[in-house]
Amino acid sequence: MTEFRNMPTELTPIQEILLVAAECFMERGFHATSIDDVARRMNATKGRIYHYYASKTDLFFGIHREGMARLFAAVQPARETARQAAGDGAAVLGAMLRAHALALFEHHAFESVVVQGVQLHRFGALTPGQRKELDELIESRDRFEQLFKDQTDIAKADGSVGDVNTSIAVKTMLGGLQWSLIWYRPEKNSSLENREYLADQMVATLLEGLRARP
């Protein structure tokens, strides 16, 4: 169980359910995953899961919510630390992108589910109640994206980033990082050294295109 490296060895029941379910959804997708699949992987009964989550969709939303919480928990402190270090706007943006990349690696299964949630929001058949809840989750994702838009505007204002279209630039950067959810393999790149190297290389590539030119 690699998703809870920074948590106590003993998981709470909800933490265990979310972790195992995230791995199932990541591997099989939302539609092909059932509560039975999650219960079998846990060596538990379906009742153990239904005690906390009324349906597969509710469980999926719980993972999505946790995935977003982990992204905010990674990026916001990195932004504040970089600002306190008096870096220019681009340096702070780079620190935020690096923290985002590392969070994608660290919480690979959870963040894969977040991406699936975006697809479900666009194309999924949901009840009105489920649609409302997923709308709220997507709003959280929009707030996360806004962190990067705000910082990009700051970097443009101080001249460390060129006169780019903020919205397009941020969507391109975040999309570039999120593509790692496709090619990153935790079992092959699990060391902190490897994850930091990958994050640094990705961020350097993305930021270079934004740098202000003489």
N, C-alpha and C. Protein backbone atom coordinates (compact mmCIF):
# COMPACT_ATOMS: atom_id res chain seq x y z
N MET A 1 0.84 -1.19 0.00
CA MET A 1 0.00 0.00 0.00
C MET A 1 0.88 1.24 0.00
N THR A 2 1.05 1.82 -1.16
CA THR A 2 1.98 2.92 -1.29
C THR A 2 1.33 4.29 -1.15
N GLU A 3 0.01 4.37 -1.16
CA GLU A 3 -0.65 5.66 -1.18
C GLU A 3 -0.60 6.39 0.15
N PHE A 4 -0.31 5.68 1.24
CA PHE A 4 -0.35 6.30 2.56
C PHE A 4 1.04 6.28 3.19
N ARG A 5 2.07 6.60 2.43
CA ARG A 5 3.43 6.54 2.96
C ARG A 5 3.62 7.44 4.18
N ASN A 6 2.91 8.58 4.20
CA ASN A 6 3.11 9.55 5.27
C ASN A 6 2.07 9.43 6.36
N MET A 7 1.33 8.32 6.38
CA MET A 7 0.29 8.12 7.37
C MET A 7 0.68 6.97 8.30
N PRO A 8 0.00 6.83 9.44
CA PRO A 8 0.31 5.75 10.36
C PRO A 8 0.19 4.38 9.66
N THR A 9 0.96 3.42 10.17
CA THR A 9 0.92 2.08 9.59
C THR A 9 -0.48 1.49 9.61
N GLU A 10 -1.19 1.69 10.70
CA GLU A 10 -2.54 1.17 10.83
C GLU A 10 -3.52 2.16 10.20
N LEU A 11 -4.19 1.72 9.13
CA LEU A 11 -5.17 2.57 8.46
C LEU A 11 -6.51 2.48 9.16
N THR A 12 -7.25 3.57 9.14
CA THR A 12 -8.63 3.50 9.60
C THR A 12 -9.44 2.73 8.58
N PRO A 13 -10.62 2.24 8.93
CA PRO A 13 -11.45 1.52 7.95
C PRO A 13 -11.72 2.34 6.70
N ILE A 14 -12.02 3.62 6.84
CA ILE A 14 -12.31 4.44 5.67
C ILE A 14 -11.05 4.61 4.82
N GLN A 15 -9.89 4.84 5.45
CA GLN A 15 -8.65 4.98 4.69
C GLN A 15 -8.36 3.72 3.87
N GLU A 16 -8.57 2.56 4.49
CA GLU A 16 -8.31 1.32 3.77
C GLU A 16 -9.26 1.15 2.60
N ILE A 17 -10.53 1.43 2.81
CA ILE A 17 -11.52 1.32 1.73
C ILE A 17 -11.17 2.26 0.58
N LEU A 18 -10.85 3.51 0.90
CA LEU A 18 -10.54 4.48 -0.13
C LEU A 18 -9.29 4.07 -0.92
N LEU A 19 -8.28 3.60 -0.23
CA LEU A 19 -7.04 3.20 -0.90
C LEU A 19 -7.28 2.03 -1.85
N VAL A 20 -7.91 0.98 -1.35
CA VAL A 20 -8.14 -0.20 -2.18
C VAL A 20 -9.07 0.13 -3.34
N ALA A 21 -10.12 0.88 -3.07
CA ALA A 21 -11.06 1.25 -4.12
C ALA A 21 -10.37 2.12 -5.17
N ALA A 22 -9.50 3.05 -4.75
CA ALA A 22 -8.78 3.89 -5.70
C ALA A 22 -7.95 3.03 -6.64
N GLU A 23 -7.30 2.03 -6.11
CA GLU A 23 -6.50 1.15 -6.95
C GLU A 23 -7.37 0.38 -7.93
N CYS A 24 -8.54 -0.05 -7.48
CA CYS A 24 -9.46 -0.77 -8.37
C CYS A 24 -9.97 0.14 -9.49
N PHE A 25 -10.40 1.34 -9.13
CA PHE A 25 -10.89 2.28 -10.15
C PHE A 25 -9.78 2.66 -11.12
N MET A 26 -8.57 2.84 -10.62
CA MET A 26 -7.45 3.19 -11.48
C MET A 26 -7.20 2.09 -12.51
N GLU A 27 -7.25 0.85 -12.07
CA GLU A 27 -6.91 -0.27 -12.94
C GLU A 27 -8.04 -0.63 -13.91
N ARG A 28 -9.29 -0.52 -13.44
CA ARG A 28 -10.41 -1.03 -14.23
C ARG A 28 -11.33 0.06 -14.78
N GLY A 29 -11.24 1.26 -14.23
CA GLY A 29 -12.14 2.32 -14.63
C GLY A 29 -13.43 2.30 -13.82
N PHE A 30 -14.16 3.42 -13.85
CA PHE A 30 -15.36 3.54 -13.04
C PHE A 30 -16.41 2.50 -13.41
N HIS A 31 -16.72 2.38 -14.68
CA HIS A 31 -17.84 1.54 -15.09
C HIS A 31 -17.54 0.05 -14.89
N ALA A 32 -16.29 -0.36 -15.03
CA ALA A 32 -15.96 -1.79 -14.92
C ALA A 32 -15.69 -2.24 -13.50
N THR A 33 -15.64 -1.31 -12.57
CA THR A 33 -15.36 -1.64 -11.17
C THR A 33 -16.66 -1.76 -10.39
N SER A 34 -16.74 -2.76 -9.55
CA SER A 34 -17.92 -2.96 -8.71
C SER A 34 -17.52 -2.98 -7.24
N ILE A 35 -18.51 -2.84 -6.39
CA ILE A 35 -18.25 -2.98 -4.96
C ILE A 35 -17.72 -4.37 -4.66
N ASP A 36 -18.18 -5.37 -5.39
CA ASP A 36 -17.66 -6.74 -5.22
C ASP A 36 -16.16 -6.78 -5.47
N ASP A 37 -15.69 -6.07 -6.51
CA ASP A 37 -14.26 -6.06 -6.81
C ASP A 37 -13.46 -5.49 -5.64
N VAL A 38 -13.96 -4.40 -5.08
CA VAL A 38 -13.26 -3.77 -3.96
C VAL A 38 -13.26 -4.69 -2.75
N ALA A 39 -14.41 -5.29 -2.46
CA ALA A 39 -14.52 -6.17 -1.30
C ALA A 39 -13.59 -7.38 -1.44
N ARG A 40 -13.52 -7.94 -2.65
CA ARG A 40 -12.63 -9.10 -2.84
C ARG A 40 -11.18 -8.72 -2.60
N ARG A 41 -10.77 -7.56 -3.10
CA ARG A 41 -9.38 -7.17 -2.91
C ARG A 41 -9.07 -6.91 -1.45
N MET A 42 -10.08 -6.48 -0.69
CA MET A 42 -9.90 -6.25 0.73
C MET A 42 -10.05 -7.52 1.57
N ASN A 43 -10.47 -8.61 0.91
CA ASN A 43 -10.82 -9.83 1.64
C ASN A 43 -11.88 -9.52 2.70
N ALA A 44 -12.89 -8.75 2.27
CA ALA A 44 -13.96 -8.32 3.18
C ALA A 44 -15.30 -8.54 2.52
N THR A 45 -16.35 -8.32 3.28
CA THR A 45 -17.70 -8.40 2.73
C THR A 45 -18.11 -7.05 2.15
N LYS A 46 -19.10 -7.09 1.25
CA LYS A 46 -19.62 -5.83 0.71
C LYS A 46 -20.22 -4.97 1.82
N GLY A 47 -20.75 -5.61 2.84
CA GLY A 47 -21.36 -4.87 3.92
C GLY A 47 -20.39 -3.95 4.63
N ARG A 48 -19.14 -4.34 4.67
CA ARG A 48 -18.12 -3.49 5.30
C ARG A 48 -17.98 -2.17 4.55
N ILE A 49 -18.09 -2.23 3.23
CA ILE A 49 -18.00 -1.01 2.42
C ILE A 49 -19.29 -0.22 2.50
N TYR A 50 -20.43 -0.92 2.40
CA TYR A 50 -21.72 -0.23 2.43
C TYR A 50 -21.99 0.44 3.77
N HIS A 51 -21.28 0.02 4.80
CA HIS A 51 -21.42 0.67 6.10
C HIS A 51 -21.01 2.15 6.03
N TYR A 52 -20.08 2.45 5.11
CA TYR A 52 -19.56 3.82 4.99
C TYR A 52 -20.03 4.51 3.70
N TYR A 53 -20.28 3.76 2.66
CA TYR A 53 -20.64 4.34 1.36
C TYR A 53 -21.88 3.64 0.82
N ALA A 54 -22.88 4.44 0.46
CA ALA A 54 -24.18 3.88 0.06
C ALA A 54 -24.14 3.25 -1.33
N SER A 55 -23.18 3.63 -2.16
CA SER A 55 -23.13 3.13 -3.53
C SER A 55 -21.72 3.23 -4.07
N LYS A 56 -21.50 2.61 -5.21
CA LYS A 56 -20.21 2.71 -5.89
C LYS A 56 -19.90 4.17 -6.24
N THR A 57 -20.91 4.90 -6.67
CA THR A 57 -20.70 6.30 -7.04
C THR A 57 -20.28 7.13 -5.84
N ASP A 58 -20.91 6.89 -4.69
CA ASP A 58 -20.53 7.61 -3.47
C ASP A 58 -19.08 7.30 -3.09
N LEU A 59 -18.69 6.06 -3.26
CA LEU A 59 -17.32 5.67 -2.97
C LEU A 59 -16.35 6.37 -3.93
N PHE A 60 -16.71 6.40 -5.19
CA PHE A 60 -15.89 7.08 -6.19
C PHE A 60 -15.73 8.55 -5.85
N PHE A 61 -16.83 9.19 -5.44
CA PHE A 61 -16.77 10.60 -5.07
C PHE A 61 -15.88 10.80 -3.85
N GLY A 62 -15.92 9.86 -2.91
CA GLY A 62 -15.07 9.96 -1.73
C GLY A 62 -13.59 9.93 -2.09
N ILE A 63 -13.24 9.10 -3.06
CA ILE A 63 -11.86 9.04 -3.52
C ILE A 63 -11.48 10.34 -4.23
N HIS A 64 -12.39 10.82 -5.07
CA HIS A 64 -12.15 12.08 -5.79
C HIS A 64 -11.91 13.21 -4.79
N ARG A 65 -12.74 13.29 -3.78
CA ARG A 65 -12.61 14.35 -2.76
C ARG A 65 -11.26 14.24 -2.04
N GLU A 66 -10.87 13.02 -1.69
CA GLU A 66 -9.59 12.82 -1.01
C GLU A 66 -8.43 13.18 -1.93
N GLY A 67 -8.55 12.83 -3.21
CA GLY A 67 -7.50 13.16 -4.16
C GLY A 67 -7.29 14.65 -4.28
N MET A 68 -8.38 15.42 -4.34
CA MET A 68 -8.26 16.86 -4.42
C MET A 68 -7.67 17.44 -3.14
N ALA A 69 -8.07 16.91 -2.00
CA ALA A 69 -7.54 17.39 -0.73
C ALA A 69 -6.02 17.21 -0.67
N ARG A 70 -5.54 16.10 -1.21
CA ARG A 70 -4.10 15.85 -1.19
C ARG A 70 -3.35 16.80 -2.12
N LEU A 71 -3.97 17.18 -3.22
CA LEU A 71 -3.33 18.15 -4.12
C LEU A 71 -3.22 19.52 -3.46
N PHE A 72 -4.31 19.98 -2.85
CA PHE A 72 -4.26 21.27 -2.15
C PHE A 72 -3.22 21.22 -1.03
N ALA A 73 -3.18 20.10 -0.30
CA ALA A 73 -2.26 19.97 0.83
C ALA A 73 -0.81 19.99 0.38
N ALA A 74 -0.55 19.62 -0.85
CA ALA A 74 0.82 19.64 -1.37
C ALA A 74 1.19 21.00 -1.93
N VAL A 75 0.29 21.61 -2.69
CA VAL A 75 0.64 22.81 -3.46
C VAL A 75 0.60 24.08 -2.62
N GLN A 76 -0.39 24.23 -1.75
CA GLN A 76 -0.50 25.48 -1.00
C GLN A 76 0.70 25.74 -0.08
N PRO A 77 1.17 24.75 0.68
CA PRO A 77 2.37 25.01 1.49
C PRO A 77 3.61 25.30 0.64
N ALA A 78 3.73 24.62 -0.51
CA ALA A 78 4.87 24.87 -1.39
C ALA A 78 4.85 26.31 -1.90
N ARG A 79 3.66 26.80 -2.22
CA ARG A 79 3.53 28.19 -2.68
C ARG A 79 3.97 29.16 -1.58
N GLU A 80 3.50 28.94 -0.36
CA GLU A 80 3.83 29.86 0.72
C GLU A 80 5.31 29.82 1.06
N THR A 81 5.90 28.64 1.07
CA THR A 81 7.33 28.51 1.36
C THR A 81 8.16 29.24 0.31
N ALA A 82 7.79 29.07 -0.96
CA ALA A 82 8.53 29.73 -2.04
C ALA A 82 8.37 31.24 -1.98
N ARG A 83 7.19 31.71 -1.61
CA ARG A 83 6.99 33.16 -1.49
C ARG A 83 7.82 33.74 -0.36
N GLN A 84 7.90 33.01 0.76
CA GLN A 84 8.68 33.49 1.89
C GLN A 84 10.17 33.52 1.56
N ALA A 85 10.58 32.68 0.61
CA ALA A 85 11.99 32.66 0.19
C ALA A 85 12.30 33.80 -0.78
N ALA A 86 11.27 34.62 -1.06
CA ALA A 86 11.43 35.81 -1.91
C ALA A 86 11.83 35.47 -3.33
N GLY A 87 11.33 34.34 -3.82
CA GLY A 87 11.57 34.01 -5.22
C GLY A 87 10.68 34.85 -6.12
N ASP A 88 11.08 34.99 -7.40
CA ASP A 88 10.23 35.73 -8.32
C ASP A 88 8.99 34.88 -8.64
N GLY A 89 8.09 35.46 -9.41
CA GLY A 89 6.83 34.78 -9.69
C GLY A 89 7.01 33.43 -10.35
N ALA A 90 7.96 33.34 -11.27
CA ALA A 90 8.21 32.08 -11.96
C ALA A 90 8.77 31.02 -11.01
N ALA A 91 9.62 31.45 -10.07
CA ALA A 91 10.18 30.50 -9.10
C ALA A 91 9.09 29.92 -8.21
N VAL A 92 8.16 30.76 -7.79
CA VAL A 92 7.04 30.28 -6.97
C VAL A 92 6.17 29.34 -7.79
N LEU A 93 5.90 29.71 -9.03
CA LEU A 93 5.12 28.84 -9.91
C LEU A 93 5.80 27.50 -10.09
N GLY A 94 7.11 27.52 -10.25
CA GLY A 94 7.85 26.27 -10.38
C GLY A 94 7.75 25.40 -9.15
N ALA A 95 7.79 26.01 -7.97
CA ALA A 95 7.66 25.25 -6.72
C ALA A 95 6.28 24.61 -6.62
N MET A 96 5.27 25.34 -7.07
CA MET A 96 3.90 24.81 -7.05
C MET A 96 3.77 23.64 -8.02
N LEU A 97 4.32 23.78 -9.20
CA LEU A 97 4.25 22.70 -10.18
C LEU A 97 5.01 21.47 -9.70
N ARG A 98 6.16 21.69 -9.08
CA ARG A 98 6.94 20.56 -8.56
C ARG A 98 6.17 19.82 -7.48
N ALA A 99 5.52 20.57 -6.58
CA ALA A 99 4.74 19.94 -5.52
C ALA A 99 3.56 19.16 -6.11
N HIS A 100 2.96 19.71 -7.16
CA HIS A 100 1.86 19.03 -7.83
C HIS A 100 2.34 17.73 -8.45
N ALA A 101 3.47 17.79 -9.14
CA ALA A 101 4.00 16.59 -9.78
C ALA A 101 4.30 15.50 -8.75
N LEU A 102 4.94 15.88 -7.65
CA LEU A 102 5.26 14.90 -6.61
C LEU A 102 4.00 14.30 -5.99
N ALA A 103 2.96 15.12 -5.85
CA ALA A 103 1.70 14.60 -5.31
C ALA A 103 1.06 13.61 -6.27
N LEU A 104 1.17 13.86 -7.58
CA LEU A 104 0.65 12.91 -8.56
C LEU A 104 1.37 11.57 -8.45
N PHE A 105 2.69 11.62 -8.24
CA PHE A 105 3.45 10.38 -8.08
C PHE A 105 3.10 9.68 -6.76
N GLU A 106 3.06 10.46 -5.70
CA GLU A 106 2.84 9.90 -4.36
C GLU A 106 1.45 9.29 -4.20
N HIS A 107 0.48 9.91 -4.82
CA HIS A 107 -0.91 9.49 -4.65
C HIS A 107 -1.50 9.10 -6.01
N HIS A 108 -0.77 8.29 -6.70
CA HIS A 108 -1.05 7.95 -8.10
C HIS A 108 -2.48 7.47 -8.31
N ALA A 109 -2.93 6.53 -7.50
CA ALA A 109 -4.26 5.96 -7.69
C ALA A 109 -5.35 6.99 -7.43
N PHE A 110 -5.20 7.76 -6.36
CA PHE A 110 -6.21 8.78 -6.04
C PHE A 110 -6.31 9.82 -7.15
N GLU A 111 -5.17 10.27 -7.66
CA GLU A 111 -5.21 11.32 -8.67
C GLU A 111 -5.68 10.79 -10.01
N SER A 112 -5.49 9.51 -10.27
CA SER A 112 -6.06 8.90 -11.47
C SER A 112 -7.58 8.92 -11.41
N VAL A 113 -8.12 8.72 -10.22
CA VAL A 113 -9.57 8.77 -10.05
C VAL A 113 -10.09 10.19 -10.24
N VAL A 114 -9.33 11.18 -9.79
CA VAL A 114 -9.74 12.57 -10.00
C VAL A 114 -9.92 12.85 -11.50
N VAL A 115 -8.97 12.38 -12.31
CA VAL A 115 -9.07 12.58 -13.76
C VAL A 115 -10.29 11.85 -14.31
N GLN A 116 -10.54 10.64 -13.83
CA GLN A 116 -11.74 9.92 -14.25
C GLN A 116 -13.00 10.69 -13.89
N GLY A 117 -12.96 11.39 -12.76
CA GLY A 117 -14.11 12.16 -12.32
C GLY A 117 -14.46 13.27 -13.31
N VAL A 118 -13.43 13.87 -13.91
CA VAL A 118 -13.67 14.91 -14.92
C VAL A 118 -14.39 14.31 -16.11
N GLN A 119 -13.96 13.12 -16.53
CA GLN A 119 -14.62 12.46 -17.65
C GLN A 119 -16.06 12.08 -17.30
N LEU A 120 -16.26 11.62 -16.08
CA LEU A 120 -17.61 11.26 -15.64
C LEU A 120 -18.51 12.49 -15.63
N HIS A 121 -17.95 13.61 -15.24
CA HIS A 121 -18.71 14.86 -15.20
C HIS A 121 -19.16 15.26 -16.59
N ARG A 122 -18.33 15.02 -17.57
CA ARG A 122 -18.66 15.42 -18.94
C ARG A 122 -19.59 14.44 -19.63
N PHE A 123 -19.41 13.15 -19.37
CA PHE A 123 -20.10 12.15 -20.19
C PHE A 123 -20.94 11.14 -19.40
N GLY A 124 -20.88 11.17 -18.07
CA GLY A 124 -21.53 10.15 -17.28
C GLY A 124 -23.03 10.37 -17.12
N ALA A 125 -23.76 9.28 -16.99
CA ALA A 125 -25.19 9.33 -16.69
C ALA A 125 -25.35 9.29 -15.17
N LEU A 126 -25.78 10.40 -14.59
CA LEU A 126 -25.85 10.53 -13.14
C LEU A 126 -27.24 10.97 -12.72
N THR A 127 -27.58 10.66 -11.47
CA THR A 127 -28.82 11.17 -10.91
C THR A 127 -28.63 12.66 -10.60
N PRO A 128 -29.72 13.42 -10.42
CA PRO A 128 -29.56 14.84 -10.08
C PRO A 128 -28.71 15.06 -8.84
N GLY A 129 -28.89 14.21 -7.81
CA GLY A 129 -28.09 14.35 -6.60
C GLY A 129 -26.62 14.08 -6.85
N GLN A 130 -26.33 13.05 -7.65
CA GLN A 130 -24.95 12.74 -7.98
C GLN A 130 -24.33 13.83 -8.84
N ARG A 131 -25.11 14.37 -9.77
CA ARG A 131 -24.62 15.45 -10.61
C ARG A 131 -24.25 16.67 -9.77
N LYS A 132 -25.08 16.98 -8.77
CA LYS A 132 -24.81 18.13 -7.89
C LYS A 132 -23.52 17.91 -7.12
N GLU A 133 -23.34 16.70 -6.59
CA GLU A 133 -22.13 16.44 -5.82
C GLU A 133 -20.89 16.49 -6.70
N LEU A 134 -20.99 15.95 -7.91
CA LEU A 134 -19.84 15.97 -8.80
C LEU A 134 -19.56 17.40 -9.27
N ASP A 135 -20.60 18.21 -9.45
CA ASP A 135 -20.39 19.62 -9.78
C ASP A 135 -19.54 20.30 -8.71
N GLU A 136 -19.82 19.98 -7.44
CA GLU A 136 -19.07 20.57 -6.34
C GLU A 136 -17.60 20.11 -6.37
N LEU A 137 -17.39 18.85 -6.73
CA LEU A 137 -16.03 18.34 -6.82
C LEU A 137 -15.27 19.02 -7.97
N ILE A 138 -15.95 19.24 -9.07
CA ILE A 138 -15.32 19.91 -10.20
C ILE A 138 -15.00 21.36 -9.85
N GLU A 139 -15.86 22.00 -9.05
CA GLU A 139 -15.57 23.36 -8.59
C GLU A 139 -14.29 23.38 -7.76
N SER A 140 -14.07 22.33 -6.97
CA SER A 140 -12.83 22.24 -6.21
C SER A 140 -11.63 22.14 -7.14
N ARG A 141 -11.79 21.39 -8.20
CA ARG A 141 -10.71 21.29 -9.19
C ARG A 141 -10.46 22.64 -9.86
N ASP A 142 -11.53 23.38 -10.12
CA ASP A 142 -11.38 24.71 -10.71
C ASP A 142 -10.64 25.66 -9.76
N ARG A 143 -10.92 25.55 -8.46
CA ARG A 143 -10.21 26.38 -7.48
C ARG A 143 -8.73 26.03 -7.45
N PHE A 144 -8.44 24.75 -7.61
CA PHE A 144 -7.04 24.32 -7.65
C PHE A 144 -6.35 24.93 -8.87
N GLU A 145 -6.99 24.88 -10.00
CA GLU A 145 -6.42 25.47 -11.21
C GLU A 145 -6.22 26.97 -11.05
N GLN A 146 -7.15 27.61 -10.32
CA GLN A 146 -7.05 29.06 -10.13
C GLN A 146 -5.80 29.45 -9.35
N LEU A 147 -5.33 28.59 -8.46
CA LEU A 147 -4.08 28.86 -7.75
C LEU A 147 -2.95 29.11 -8.74
N PHE A 148 -2.90 28.30 -9.78
CA PHE A 148 -1.84 28.41 -10.78
C PHE A 148 -2.07 29.61 -11.71
N LYS A 149 -3.33 29.91 -11.99
CA LYS A 149 -3.62 31.09 -12.81
C LYS A 149 -3.20 32.36 -12.08
N ASP A 150 -3.55 32.43 -10.80
CA ASP A 150 -3.18 33.62 -10.02
C ASP A 150 -1.67 33.79 -9.98
N GLN A 151 -0.95 32.69 -9.77
CA GLN A 151 0.51 32.79 -9.68
C GLN A 151 1.12 33.11 -11.03
N THR A 152 0.55 32.60 -12.10
CA THR A 152 1.05 32.93 -13.43
C THR A 152 0.87 34.42 -13.71
N ASP A 153 -0.25 34.99 -13.30
CA ASP A 153 -0.46 36.43 -13.47
C ASP A 153 0.56 37.24 -12.67
N ILE A 154 0.89 36.75 -11.47
CA ILE A 154 1.92 37.42 -10.67
C ILE A 154 3.26 37.37 -11.39
N ALA A 155 3.58 36.22 -11.96
CA ALA A 155 4.85 36.06 -12.67
C ALA A 155 4.89 36.92 -13.93
N LYS A 156 3.77 37.06 -14.60
CA LYS A 156 3.71 37.96 -15.76
C LYS A 156 3.94 39.40 -15.33
N ALA A 157 3.35 39.77 -14.20
CA ALA A 157 3.45 41.15 -13.72
C ALA A 157 4.88 41.51 -13.33
N ASP A 158 5.62 40.54 -12.76
CA ASP A 158 6.99 40.89 -12.35
C ASP A 158 8.01 40.62 -13.46
N GLY A 159 7.53 40.17 -14.61
CA GLY A 159 8.41 40.00 -15.76
C GLY A 159 9.17 38.70 -15.83
N SER A 160 8.94 37.78 -14.88
CA SER A 160 9.67 36.51 -14.91
C SER A 160 9.02 35.51 -15.86
N VAL A 161 7.80 35.78 -16.29
CA VAL A 161 7.10 34.98 -17.29
C VAL A 161 6.66 35.94 -18.39
N GLY A 162 6.71 35.46 -19.63
CA GLY A 162 6.35 36.30 -20.76
C GLY A 162 4.85 36.57 -20.83
N ASP A 163 4.46 37.29 -21.84
CA ASP A 163 3.06 37.71 -22.00
C ASP A 163 2.26 36.58 -22.65
N VAL A 164 2.04 35.52 -21.88
CA VAL A 164 1.31 34.35 -22.36
C VAL A 164 -0.17 34.49 -22.01
N ASN A 165 -0.99 33.69 -22.66
CA ASN A 165 -2.39 33.59 -22.28
C ASN A 165 -2.45 32.73 -21.02
N THR A 166 -2.85 33.32 -19.92
CA THR A 166 -2.78 32.64 -18.63
C THR A 166 -3.57 31.34 -18.62
N SER A 167 -4.79 31.38 -19.09
CA SER A 167 -5.64 30.19 -19.05
C SER A 167 -5.05 29.05 -19.87
N ILE A 168 -4.60 29.36 -21.09
CA ILE A 168 -4.03 28.32 -21.94
C ILE A 168 -2.73 27.80 -21.35
N ALA A 169 -1.91 28.70 -20.83
CA ALA A 169 -0.63 28.28 -20.25
C ALA A 169 -0.84 27.33 -19.07
N VAL A 170 -1.77 27.68 -18.18
CA VAL A 170 -2.00 26.84 -16.99
C VAL A 170 -2.60 25.49 -17.39
N LYS A 171 -3.55 25.49 -18.30
CA LYS A 171 -4.13 24.21 -18.73
C LYS A 171 -3.07 23.33 -19.38
N THR A 172 -2.16 23.95 -20.13
CA THR A 172 -1.09 23.18 -20.76
C THR A 172 -0.13 22.61 -19.71
N MET A 173 0.23 23.43 -18.74
CA MET A 173 1.15 22.95 -17.70
C MET A 173 0.53 21.83 -16.87
N LEU A 174 -0.69 22.05 -16.40
CA LEU A 174 -1.33 21.02 -15.57
C LEU A 174 -1.61 19.77 -16.39
N GLY A 175 -1.99 19.95 -17.65
CA GLY A 175 -2.21 18.79 -18.50
C GLY A 175 -0.93 18.00 -18.72
N GLY A 176 0.19 18.72 -18.88
CA GLY A 176 1.46 18.04 -19.05
C GLY A 176 1.84 17.22 -17.82
N LEU A 177 1.58 17.77 -16.65
CA LEU A 177 1.88 17.02 -15.43
C LEU A 177 0.94 15.82 -15.29
N GLN A 178 -0.33 16.03 -15.57
CA GLN A 178 -1.31 14.96 -15.39
C GLN A 178 -1.09 13.80 -16.36
N TRP A 179 -0.45 14.07 -17.48
CA TRP A 179 -0.15 12.99 -18.41
C TRP A 179 0.75 11.94 -17.76
N SER A 180 1.48 12.34 -16.72
CA SER A 180 2.33 11.38 -16.02
C SER A 180 1.51 10.26 -15.39
N LEU A 181 0.22 10.51 -15.15
CA LEU A 181 -0.63 9.45 -14.60
C LEU A 181 -0.75 8.28 -15.57
N ILE A 182 -0.48 8.52 -16.85
CA ILE A 182 -0.51 7.47 -17.85
C ILE A 182 0.80 6.70 -17.90
N TRP A 183 1.91 7.44 -17.90
CA TRP A 183 3.18 6.75 -18.11
C TRP A 183 3.96 6.42 -16.85
N TYR A 184 3.64 7.08 -15.73
CA TYR A 184 4.39 6.81 -14.49
C TYR A 184 4.03 5.44 -13.94
N ARG A 185 5.04 4.69 -13.53
CA ARG A 185 4.84 3.36 -12.94
C ARG A 185 5.45 3.35 -11.55
N PRO A 186 4.59 3.41 -10.51
CA PRO A 186 5.12 3.47 -9.13
C PRO A 186 6.08 2.34 -8.80
N GLU A 187 5.83 1.15 -9.34
CA GLU A 187 6.68 0.01 -8.98
C GLU A 187 8.09 0.15 -9.56
N LYS A 188 8.27 0.99 -10.59
CA LYS A 188 9.57 1.17 -11.20
C LYS A 188 10.25 2.47 -10.77
N ASN A 189 9.48 3.42 -10.30
CA ASN A 189 10.01 4.74 -9.97
C ASN A 189 9.65 5.15 -8.55
N SER A 190 9.70 4.19 -7.63
CA SER A 190 9.14 4.44 -6.31
C SER A 190 10.05 5.24 -5.37
N SER A 191 11.34 5.31 -5.66
CA SER A 191 12.23 6.00 -4.73
C SER A 191 11.99 7.50 -4.78
N LEU A 192 12.20 8.16 -3.66
CA LEU A 192 12.04 9.61 -3.61
C LEU A 192 12.98 10.29 -4.59
N GLU A 193 14.19 9.79 -4.70
CA GLU A 193 15.16 10.37 -5.62
C GLU A 193 14.64 10.34 -7.06
N ASN A 194 14.07 9.21 -7.47
CA ASN A 194 13.54 9.11 -8.83
C ASN A 194 12.35 10.04 -9.03
N ARG A 195 11.47 10.10 -8.04
CA ARG A 195 10.29 10.96 -8.17
C ARG A 195 10.69 12.43 -8.26
N GLU A 196 11.67 12.83 -7.45
CA GLU A 196 12.12 14.22 -7.49
C GLU A 196 12.80 14.54 -8.81
N TYR A 197 13.57 13.60 -9.34
CA TYR A 197 14.21 13.82 -10.64
C TYR A 197 13.16 14.01 -11.73
N LEU A 198 12.16 13.14 -11.76
CA LEU A 198 11.10 13.25 -12.76
C LEU A 198 10.37 14.58 -12.62
N ALA A 199 10.04 14.96 -11.40
CA ALA A 199 9.32 16.22 -11.17
C ALA A 199 10.14 17.40 -11.64
N ASP A 200 11.43 17.42 -11.30
CA ASP A 200 12.30 18.54 -11.68
C ASP A 200 12.41 18.65 -13.20
N GLN A 201 12.55 17.52 -13.88
CA GLN A 201 12.67 17.54 -15.33
C GLN A 201 11.37 18.01 -16.00
N MET A 202 10.24 17.56 -15.49
CA MET A 202 8.96 17.97 -16.06
C MET A 202 8.73 19.46 -15.88
N VAL A 203 9.00 19.96 -14.68
CA VAL A 203 8.76 21.38 -14.39
C VAL A 203 9.71 22.25 -15.21
N ALA A 204 10.96 21.87 -15.31
CA ALA A 204 11.91 22.65 -16.09
C ALA A 204 11.46 22.75 -17.54
N THR A 205 10.96 21.65 -18.09
CA THR A 205 10.49 21.64 -19.48
C THR A 205 9.29 22.56 -19.65
N LEU A 206 8.36 22.50 -18.72
CA LEU A 206 7.15 23.31 -18.83
C LEU A 206 7.43 24.80 -18.62
N LEU A 207 8.26 25.12 -17.63
CA LEU A 207 8.53 26.52 -17.34
C LEU A 207 9.36 27.21 -18.41
N GLU A 208 10.22 26.45 -19.07
CA GLU A 208 11.10 27.06 -20.07
C GLU A 208 10.29 27.74 -21.17
N GLY A 209 9.16 27.17 -21.50
CA GLY A 209 8.34 27.78 -22.54
C GLY A 209 7.64 29.05 -22.10
N LEU A 210 7.56 29.29 -20.79
CA LEU A 210 6.89 30.48 -20.28
C LEU A 210 7.86 31.63 -19.99
N ARG A 211 9.14 31.32 -19.89
CA ARG A 211 10.09 32.33 -19.46
C ARG A 211 10.07 33.56 -20.38
N ALA A 212 10.18 34.71 -19.74
CA ALA A 212 10.28 35.94 -20.50
C ALA A 212 11.60 35.95 -21.27
N ARG A 213 11.57 36.39 -22.52
CA ARG A 213 12.77 36.46 -23.35
C ARG A 213 13.21 37.91 -23.49
N PRO A 214 14.54 38.15 -23.57
CA PRO A 214 15.04 39.52 -23.74
C PRO A 214 14.47 40.15 -25.02
